[in-house]
Each structure stands twice: as C-alpha cells, then as structure tokens.
N, C-alpha and C. Protein backbone atom coordinates (compact mmCIF):
# COMPACT_ATOMS: atom_id res chain seq x y z
N MET A 1 15.01 36.55 22.99
CA MET A 1 14.05 35.49 23.25
C MET A 1 13.29 35.14 21.98
N LEU A 2 12.86 36.14 21.22
CA LEU A 2 12.13 35.89 19.99
C LEU A 2 12.99 35.10 19.00
N LEU A 3 14.28 35.41 18.95
CA LEU A 3 15.17 34.72 18.04
C LEU A 3 15.25 33.23 18.37
N LEU A 4 15.26 32.88 19.63
CA LEU A 4 15.30 31.47 20.03
C LEU A 4 14.02 30.74 19.62
N LEU A 5 12.87 31.40 19.75
CA LEU A 5 11.62 30.77 19.35
C LEU A 5 11.58 30.53 17.85
N VAL A 6 12.03 31.50 17.07
CA VAL A 6 12.03 31.35 15.62
C VAL A 6 13.01 30.25 15.21
N ALA A 7 14.18 30.22 15.82
CA ALA A 7 15.17 29.20 15.49
C ALA A 7 14.63 27.80 15.80
N GLY A 8 13.88 27.66 16.88
CA GLY A 8 13.30 26.38 17.23
C GLY A 8 12.28 25.91 16.22
N CYS A 9 11.55 26.82 15.62
CA CYS A 9 10.55 26.47 14.62
C CYS A 9 11.20 26.11 13.29
N LEU A 10 12.39 26.59 13.03
CA LEU A 10 13.04 26.33 11.77
C LEU A 10 13.91 25.09 11.78
N SER A 11 14.13 24.50 12.94
CA SER A 11 14.98 23.31 12.99
C SER A 11 14.24 22.14 12.35
N PRO A 12 14.95 21.30 11.61
CA PRO A 12 14.30 20.19 10.92
C PRO A 12 13.78 19.16 11.91
N THR A 13 12.71 18.48 11.52
CA THR A 13 12.18 17.42 12.37
C THR A 13 12.95 16.14 12.05
N LEU A 14 13.03 15.27 13.02
CA LEU A 14 13.72 14.01 12.82
C LEU A 14 12.87 13.10 11.94
N PRO A 15 13.49 12.35 11.03
CA PRO A 15 12.72 11.43 10.20
C PRO A 15 12.21 10.27 11.04
N LEU A 16 11.21 9.59 10.51
CA LEU A 16 10.74 8.39 11.20
C LEU A 16 11.85 7.35 11.21
N PRO A 17 11.93 6.55 12.23
CA PRO A 17 12.93 5.47 12.22
C PRO A 17 12.55 4.43 11.18
N PRO A 18 13.54 3.77 10.61
CA PRO A 18 13.20 2.69 9.67
C PRO A 18 12.51 1.56 10.42
N PRO A 19 11.68 0.80 9.74
CA PRO A 19 11.04 -0.33 10.42
C PRO A 19 12.09 -1.36 10.84
N GLU A 20 11.78 -2.11 11.87
CA GLU A 20 12.66 -3.21 12.27
C GLU A 20 12.55 -4.32 11.23
N GLU A 21 13.51 -5.25 11.24
CA GLU A 21 13.41 -6.39 10.33
C GLU A 21 12.12 -7.15 10.63
N PRO A 22 11.52 -7.76 9.61
CA PRO A 22 10.27 -8.51 9.84
C PRO A 22 10.46 -9.58 10.90
N ASP A 23 9.43 -9.77 11.73
CA ASP A 23 9.52 -10.81 12.75
C ASP A 23 8.94 -12.13 12.25
N THR A 24 8.25 -12.09 11.09
CA THR A 24 7.73 -13.30 10.50
C THR A 24 7.87 -13.23 8.98
N ILE A 25 8.51 -14.22 8.41
CA ILE A 25 8.56 -14.39 6.95
C ILE A 25 8.31 -15.87 6.70
N SER A 26 7.28 -16.16 5.89
CA SER A 26 6.98 -17.56 5.59
C SER A 26 6.61 -17.68 4.12
N VAL A 27 6.88 -18.85 3.56
CA VAL A 27 6.56 -19.11 2.16
C VAL A 27 5.32 -20.00 2.12
N SER A 28 4.41 -19.67 1.20
CA SER A 28 3.20 -20.46 1.05
C SER A 28 3.43 -21.60 0.06
N PRO A 29 2.54 -22.57 0.01
CA PRO A 29 2.68 -23.66 -0.97
C PRO A 29 2.65 -23.13 -2.42
N GLU A 30 2.03 -21.97 -2.65
CA GLU A 30 1.96 -21.39 -3.99
C GLU A 30 3.25 -20.66 -4.36
N GLY A 31 4.17 -20.53 -3.41
CA GLY A 31 5.44 -19.88 -3.69
C GLY A 31 5.47 -18.39 -3.39
N THR A 32 4.42 -17.85 -2.81
CA THR A 32 4.45 -16.44 -2.39
C THR A 32 4.93 -16.37 -0.96
N TRP A 33 5.42 -15.21 -0.60
CA TRP A 33 5.98 -14.99 0.74
C TRP A 33 5.08 -14.07 1.55
N GLU A 34 4.83 -14.44 2.79
CA GLU A 34 4.10 -13.60 3.73
C GLU A 34 5.15 -12.91 4.61
N VAL A 35 5.13 -11.59 4.63
CA VAL A 35 6.10 -10.82 5.40
C VAL A 35 5.33 -9.93 6.37
N SER A 36 5.67 -9.98 7.66
CA SER A 36 4.98 -9.13 8.63
C SER A 36 5.94 -8.67 9.71
N GLY A 37 5.56 -7.56 10.32
CA GLY A 37 6.39 -7.01 11.38
C GLY A 37 5.76 -5.79 12.01
N SER A 38 6.55 -5.07 12.77
CA SER A 38 6.08 -3.88 13.48
C SER A 38 6.32 -2.64 12.63
N CYS A 39 5.44 -1.65 12.83
CA CYS A 39 5.58 -0.36 12.17
C CYS A 39 5.08 0.72 13.12
N ILE A 40 5.28 1.96 12.74
CA ILE A 40 4.71 3.08 13.50
C ILE A 40 3.20 3.00 13.36
N GLU A 41 2.46 3.25 14.43
CA GLU A 41 1.00 3.21 14.35
C GLU A 41 0.51 4.18 13.29
N GLY A 42 -0.36 3.69 12.40
CA GLY A 42 -0.93 4.52 11.35
C GLY A 42 -0.03 4.71 10.14
N ALA A 43 1.06 3.98 10.06
CA ALA A 43 2.03 4.16 8.98
C ALA A 43 1.59 3.47 7.69
N GLU A 44 2.14 3.97 6.59
CA GLU A 44 2.06 3.28 5.31
C GLU A 44 3.40 2.58 5.14
N VAL A 45 3.36 1.27 4.95
CA VAL A 45 4.58 0.46 4.85
C VAL A 45 4.70 -0.03 3.42
N VAL A 46 5.88 0.16 2.84
CA VAL A 46 6.16 -0.33 1.49
C VAL A 46 7.23 -1.41 1.59
N VAL A 47 6.95 -2.56 0.99
CA VAL A 47 7.91 -3.68 0.95
C VAL A 47 8.17 -3.98 -0.52
N LEU A 48 9.45 -3.88 -0.94
CA LEU A 48 9.83 -4.04 -2.33
C LEU A 48 10.83 -5.18 -2.46
N ASN A 49 10.58 -6.08 -3.40
CA ASN A 49 11.53 -7.14 -3.72
C ASN A 49 12.47 -6.57 -4.79
N GLU A 50 13.74 -6.39 -4.45
CA GLU A 50 14.69 -5.80 -5.39
C GLU A 50 14.91 -6.66 -6.63
N ALA A 51 14.82 -7.97 -6.50
CA ALA A 51 15.07 -8.87 -7.63
C ALA A 51 13.97 -8.80 -8.68
N THR A 52 12.72 -8.65 -8.24
CA THR A 52 11.60 -8.64 -9.17
C THR A 52 11.13 -7.23 -9.51
N GLY A 53 11.47 -6.27 -8.66
CA GLY A 53 10.98 -4.91 -8.86
C GLY A 53 9.52 -4.75 -8.45
N GLN A 54 8.94 -5.79 -7.87
CA GLN A 54 7.56 -5.74 -7.43
C GLN A 54 7.50 -5.59 -5.93
N GLY A 55 6.40 -5.02 -5.48
CA GLY A 55 6.27 -4.82 -4.05
C GLY A 55 4.82 -4.81 -3.61
N ALA A 56 4.63 -4.45 -2.36
CA ALA A 56 3.30 -4.36 -1.78
C ALA A 56 3.27 -3.20 -0.80
N VAL A 57 2.10 -2.62 -0.66
CA VAL A 57 1.90 -1.50 0.27
C VAL A 57 0.85 -1.91 1.28
N PHE A 58 1.11 -1.59 2.55
CA PHE A 58 0.16 -1.85 3.62
C PHE A 58 -0.06 -0.55 4.38
N VAL A 59 -1.31 -0.18 4.58
CA VAL A 59 -1.62 1.02 5.37
C VAL A 59 -2.26 0.56 6.67
N ASP A 60 -1.66 0.95 7.79
CA ASP A 60 -2.14 0.56 9.12
C ASP A 60 -3.34 1.43 9.51
N LEU A 61 -4.47 1.20 8.86
CA LEU A 61 -5.66 2.00 9.11
C LEU A 61 -6.21 1.83 10.52
N GLU A 62 -5.95 0.69 11.13
CA GLU A 62 -6.47 0.41 12.47
C GLU A 62 -5.50 0.84 13.56
N HIS A 63 -4.38 1.44 13.18
CA HIS A 63 -3.38 1.95 14.14
C HIS A 63 -2.93 0.88 15.13
N ARG A 64 -2.65 -0.32 14.62
CA ARG A 64 -2.18 -1.42 15.45
C ARG A 64 -0.67 -1.49 15.56
N GLY A 65 0.03 -0.80 14.67
CA GLY A 65 1.49 -0.86 14.70
C GLY A 65 2.03 -2.16 14.12
N ARG A 66 1.27 -2.78 13.21
CA ARG A 66 1.67 -4.04 12.57
C ARG A 66 1.34 -3.95 11.08
N TYR A 67 2.18 -4.58 10.27
CA TYR A 67 1.92 -4.69 8.84
C TYR A 67 2.05 -6.14 8.42
N ALA A 68 1.41 -6.48 7.31
CA ALA A 68 1.52 -7.82 6.72
C ALA A 68 1.27 -7.68 5.23
N VAL A 69 2.19 -8.22 4.42
CA VAL A 69 2.06 -8.17 2.97
C VAL A 69 2.39 -9.54 2.38
N THR A 70 1.98 -9.73 1.13
CA THR A 70 2.30 -10.93 0.38
C THR A 70 3.12 -10.51 -0.84
N LEU A 71 4.25 -11.19 -1.05
CA LEU A 71 5.16 -10.88 -2.15
C LEU A 71 5.50 -12.12 -2.95
N GLU A 72 5.82 -11.90 -4.21
CA GLU A 72 6.38 -12.97 -5.02
C GLU A 72 7.90 -12.85 -4.93
N GLY A 73 8.59 -13.97 -4.99
CA GLY A 73 10.04 -13.94 -4.95
C GLY A 73 10.63 -15.31 -4.76
N ASP A 74 11.92 -15.35 -4.82
CA ASP A 74 12.67 -16.58 -4.62
C ASP A 74 13.40 -16.51 -3.29
N PRO A 75 13.73 -17.66 -2.71
CA PRO A 75 14.49 -17.64 -1.47
C PRO A 75 15.75 -16.78 -1.61
N CYS A 76 16.01 -16.00 -0.60
CA CYS A 76 17.20 -15.15 -0.47
C CYS A 76 17.14 -13.87 -1.31
N ASP A 77 16.02 -13.58 -1.97
CA ASP A 77 15.86 -12.27 -2.60
C ASP A 77 15.94 -11.20 -1.52
N VAL A 78 16.49 -10.05 -1.86
CA VAL A 78 16.56 -8.93 -0.92
C VAL A 78 15.27 -8.13 -0.99
N ILE A 79 14.68 -7.87 0.19
CA ILE A 79 13.52 -6.99 0.26
C ILE A 79 13.91 -5.72 0.99
N VAL A 80 13.28 -4.61 0.58
CA VAL A 80 13.53 -3.31 1.18
C VAL A 80 12.21 -2.83 1.78
N ILE A 81 12.25 -2.44 3.05
CA ILE A 81 11.04 -2.05 3.78
C ILE A 81 11.21 -0.61 4.26
N SER A 82 10.19 0.21 4.02
CA SER A 82 10.20 1.59 4.53
C SER A 82 8.80 1.93 5.02
N GLN A 83 8.71 2.98 5.80
CA GLN A 83 7.41 3.41 6.31
C GLN A 83 7.30 4.92 6.24
N SER A 84 6.08 5.40 6.15
CA SER A 84 5.83 6.84 6.16
C SER A 84 4.51 7.09 6.89
N ARG A 85 4.40 8.31 7.37
CA ARG A 85 3.15 8.74 8.01
C ARG A 85 3.01 10.21 7.69
N GLY A 86 1.98 10.55 6.95
CA GLY A 86 1.83 11.93 6.50
C GLY A 86 2.99 12.28 5.59
N SER A 87 3.66 13.38 5.88
CA SER A 87 4.80 13.80 5.06
C SER A 87 6.13 13.28 5.62
N GLU A 88 6.09 12.55 6.72
CA GLU A 88 7.32 12.01 7.32
C GLU A 88 7.65 10.66 6.70
N GLU A 89 8.92 10.47 6.33
CA GLU A 89 9.37 9.21 5.75
C GLU A 89 10.52 8.64 6.54
N SER A 90 10.65 7.32 6.50
CA SER A 90 11.75 6.66 7.21
C SER A 90 12.85 6.30 6.24
N GLY A 91 13.95 5.83 6.81
CA GLY A 91 14.97 5.19 6.01
C GLY A 91 14.51 3.79 5.67
N GLU A 92 15.40 3.00 5.12
CA GLU A 92 15.05 1.65 4.68
C GLU A 92 15.66 0.58 5.58
N THR A 93 14.98 -0.53 5.65
CA THR A 93 15.48 -1.73 6.30
C THR A 93 15.55 -2.80 5.22
N ARG A 94 16.65 -3.53 5.17
CA ARG A 94 16.82 -4.60 4.19
C ARG A 94 16.78 -5.95 4.91
N ALA A 95 16.16 -6.90 4.26
CA ALA A 95 16.09 -8.26 4.80
C ALA A 95 16.09 -9.23 3.63
N LEU A 96 16.29 -10.50 3.94
CA LEU A 96 16.28 -11.55 2.92
C LEU A 96 14.99 -12.35 3.04
N LEU A 97 14.47 -12.81 1.88
CA LEU A 97 13.34 -13.72 1.91
C LEU A 97 13.85 -15.09 2.32
N ARG A 98 13.67 -15.39 3.59
CA ARG A 98 14.01 -16.67 4.17
C ARG A 98 13.15 -16.83 5.40
N PRO A 99 12.72 -18.05 5.72
CA PRO A 99 11.79 -18.24 6.83
C PRO A 99 12.31 -17.66 8.16
N VAL A 100 11.43 -16.87 8.79
CA VAL A 100 11.70 -16.27 10.10
C VAL A 100 10.44 -16.48 10.94
N GLU A 101 10.62 -16.93 12.16
CA GLU A 101 9.51 -17.11 13.09
C GLU A 101 9.85 -16.43 14.40
N GLY A 102 9.00 -15.55 14.86
CA GLY A 102 9.24 -14.86 16.12
C GLY A 102 10.53 -14.04 16.12
N GLY A 103 10.92 -13.54 14.94
CA GLY A 103 12.13 -12.73 14.83
C GLY A 103 13.41 -13.53 14.73
N VAL A 104 13.32 -14.87 14.66
CA VAL A 104 14.50 -15.72 14.61
C VAL A 104 14.50 -16.49 13.29
N GLU A 105 15.64 -16.48 12.59
CA GLU A 105 15.77 -17.23 11.35
C GLU A 105 15.57 -18.71 11.62
N VAL A 106 14.78 -19.38 10.80
CA VAL A 106 14.54 -20.81 10.95
C VAL A 106 15.81 -21.59 10.59
N ASP A 107 16.50 -21.18 9.51
CA ASP A 107 17.73 -21.84 9.07
C ASP A 107 18.76 -20.75 8.76
N PRO A 108 19.59 -20.37 9.74
CA PRO A 108 20.54 -19.27 9.53
C PRO A 108 21.49 -19.48 8.35
N ALA A 109 21.72 -20.71 7.93
CA ALA A 109 22.65 -20.97 6.82
C ALA A 109 21.95 -20.99 5.46
N ALA A 110 20.65 -20.75 5.43
CA ALA A 110 19.88 -20.87 4.18
C ALA A 110 20.35 -19.94 3.08
N CYS A 111 20.82 -18.76 3.39
CA CYS A 111 21.20 -17.77 2.37
C CYS A 111 22.69 -17.51 2.33
N GLU A 112 23.50 -18.46 2.74
CA GLU A 112 24.95 -18.25 2.72
C GLU A 112 25.51 -18.57 1.37
C-alpha cells in the first residue's frame, strides 16, 4: 500500500492545455493588432509575433479567464500563444494575424 502512495506522488502532473485560438483579432487604424481570447483563470499569457520577434504578456490578475494584448505586425504574420500558471506551462497555439470576430475568420481567403 505504501508503495502505491509513493508512486502516485512521483507521477508527473499534466501540463496546462495550450490556449485556444484567439476569438477576436482586429487591426487598428494605427496598424497594431488587438488579439484576445480565453485562457486558464489566473494565467500569464504570452503572445509572440514570429516575424518581428516582438510580443506581449498579459497576466489575468482578475481571474476572468480572458486575455487581450496589442501587437505590431503585418497581415498573415504567425503568432504563437502560450499560457502558464505558477510553475505549470502549456504548449503553444499558432494563429495568423487576420481579422477574426467571434471566433470566425472575417475573410477566410485573406492569408492564402
């Protein structure tokens, strides 16, 4: 019995799931992009534009399970989104900078 309890304590914990693709991506008149979506409550979300090497960090201090960041970039740049909470980290989600409203691409052919 003791061996089973010790083995249970030594098993690795599952990583956080990667964030879902952003449900809203919009471009401002100044050319910056607003990216928002769902995250684990209390998570730190990192959004990185692979083309520019620049990114933004959002910490969900209010535990709402939502993030929103502003990024510089060009249409169709690839962004990489990850989240962490404490020492737990997620995998990555990749998306394109192209207008999305309510989780639906505004122009599905925009980045073809």
